[in-house]
Amino acid sequence: MKILHIINDSPTKLSDEIISVQSKDHDVKVINLAKKEASYESIIDDIFAHDRVVSW
């Protein structure tokens, strides 16, 4: 399963732990919006390309 995590402010201990556990069995991508690295278009493309999206 492809899982996308979108972090709005900054990573937390809980988000880091969950991402770490999910990364063992799934294809996981993390977008940190606080860093402002990704464009709006690429975020939308990633949302539709993944099976599950989690917003933190």
C-alpha atoms as a PDB file:
ATOM      1  CA  MET A   1       0.000   0.000   0.000  1.00  0.00           C
ATOM      2  CA  LYS A   2       1.198   3.519  -0.789  1.00  0.00           C
ATOM      3  CA  ILE A   3       0.753   5.891   2.151  1.00  0.00           C
ATOM      4  CA  LEU A   4       1.276   9.650   2.043  1.00  0.00           C
ATOM      5  CA  HIS A   5       1.823  11.591   5.275  1.00  0.00           C
ATOM      6  CA  ILE A   6       1.345  15.355   5.053  1.00  0.00           C
ATOM      7  CA  ILE A   7       2.836  17.156   8.049  1.00  0.00           C
ATOM      8  CA  ASN A   8       1.350  20.624   8.487  1.00  0.00           C
ATOM      9  CA  ASP A   9       3.459  22.138  11.279  1.00  0.00           C
ATOM     10  CA  SER A  10       6.311  19.915  12.350  1.00  0.00           C
ATOM     11  CA  PRO A  11       6.794  16.228  13.028  1.00  0.00           C
ATOM     12  CA  THR A  12       5.889  14.911  16.467  1.00  0.00           C
ATOM     13  CA  LYS A  13       7.115  11.871  18.330  1.00  0.00           C
ATOM     14  CA  LEU A  14       3.847  10.080  17.513  1.00  0.00           C
ATOM     15  CA  SER A  15       3.959  10.908  13.805  1.00  0.00           C
ATOM     16  CA  ASP A  16       7.600   9.803  13.596  1.00  0.00           C
ATOM     17  CA  GLU A  17       6.797   6.486  15.299  1.00  0.00           C
ATOM     18  CA  ILE A  18       3.798   5.737  13.082  1.00  0.00           C
ATOM     19  CA  ILE A  19       5.702   6.632   9.903  1.00  0.00           C
ATOM     20  CA  SER A  20       8.588   4.432  11.002  1.00  0.00           C
ATOM     21  CA  VAL A  21       6.341   1.431  11.665  1.00  0.00           C
ATOM     22  CA  GLN A  22       4.388   1.855   8.417  1.00  0.00           C
ATOM     23  CA  SER A  23       7.613   2.192   6.414  1.00  0.00           C
ATOM     24  CA  LYS A  24       8.518  -1.403   7.242  1.00  0.00           C
ATOM     25  CA  ASP A  25       5.575  -2.884   5.293  1.00  0.00           C
ATOM     26  CA  HIS A  26       4.407  -0.103   2.980  1.00  0.00           C
ATOM     27  CA  ASP A  27       5.642   2.456   0.474  1.00  0.00           C
ATOM     28  CA  VAL A  28       5.575   5.652   2.566  1.00  0.00           C
ATOM     29  CA  LYS A  29       6.161   9.231   1.466  1.00  0.00           C
ATOM     30  CA  VAL A  30       6.274  12.260   3.797  1.00  0.00           C
ATOM     31  CA  ILE A  31       5.619  15.850   2.770  1.00  0.00           C
ATOM     32  CA  ASN A  32       6.504  18.450   5.394  1.00  0.00           C
ATOM     33  CA  LEU A  33       4.569  21.621   4.563  1.00  0.00           C
ATOM     34  CA  ALA A  34       6.587  23.624   7.106  1.00  0.00           C
ATOM     35  CA  LYS A  35       9.598  23.339   4.778  1.00  0.00           C
ATOM     36  CA  LYS A  36       7.583  24.588   1.789  1.00  0.00           C
ATOM     37  CA  GLU A  37       9.512  22.342  -0.603  1.00  0.00           C
ATOM     38  CA  ALA A  38       6.628  20.955  -2.642  1.00  0.00           C
ATOM     39  CA  SER A  39       4.446  22.802  -5.101  1.00  0.00           C
ATOM     40  CA  TYR A  40       0.673  22.689  -4.865  1.00  0.00           C
ATOM     41  CA  GLU A  41       0.495  20.680  -8.096  1.00  0.00           C
ATOM     42  CA  SER A  42       2.934  18.026  -6.885  1.00  0.00           C
ATOM     43  CA  ILE A  43       1.058  17.670  -3.582  1.00  0.00           C
ATOM     44  CA  ILE A  44      -2.224  17.137  -5.427  1.00  0.00           C
ATOM     45  CA  ASP A  45      -0.562  14.586  -7.729  1.00  0.00           C
ATOM     46  CA  ASP A  46       0.816  12.732  -4.691  1.00  0.00           C
ATOM     47  CA  ILE A  47      -2.583  12.694  -2.977  1.00  0.00           C
ATOM     48  CA  PHE A  48      -4.177  10.973  -5.966  1.00  0.00           C
ATOM     49  CA  ALA A  49      -1.205   8.628  -6.481  1.00  0.00           C
ATOM     50  CA  HIS A  50      -1.385   7.149  -2.948  1.00  0.00           C
ATOM     51  CA  ASP A  51      -3.868   4.688  -1.478  1.00  0.00           C
ATOM     52  CA  ARG A  52      -4.034   6.408   1.906  1.00  0.00           C
ATOM     53  CA  VAL A  53      -3.346  10.010   2.959  1.00  0.00           C
ATOM     54  CA  VAL A  54      -2.735  11.051   6.570  1.00  0.00           C
ATOM     55  CA  SER A  55      -2.614  14.710   7.545  1.00  0.00           C
ATOM     56  CA  TRP A  56      -0.825  15.663  10.745  1.00  0.00           C
END
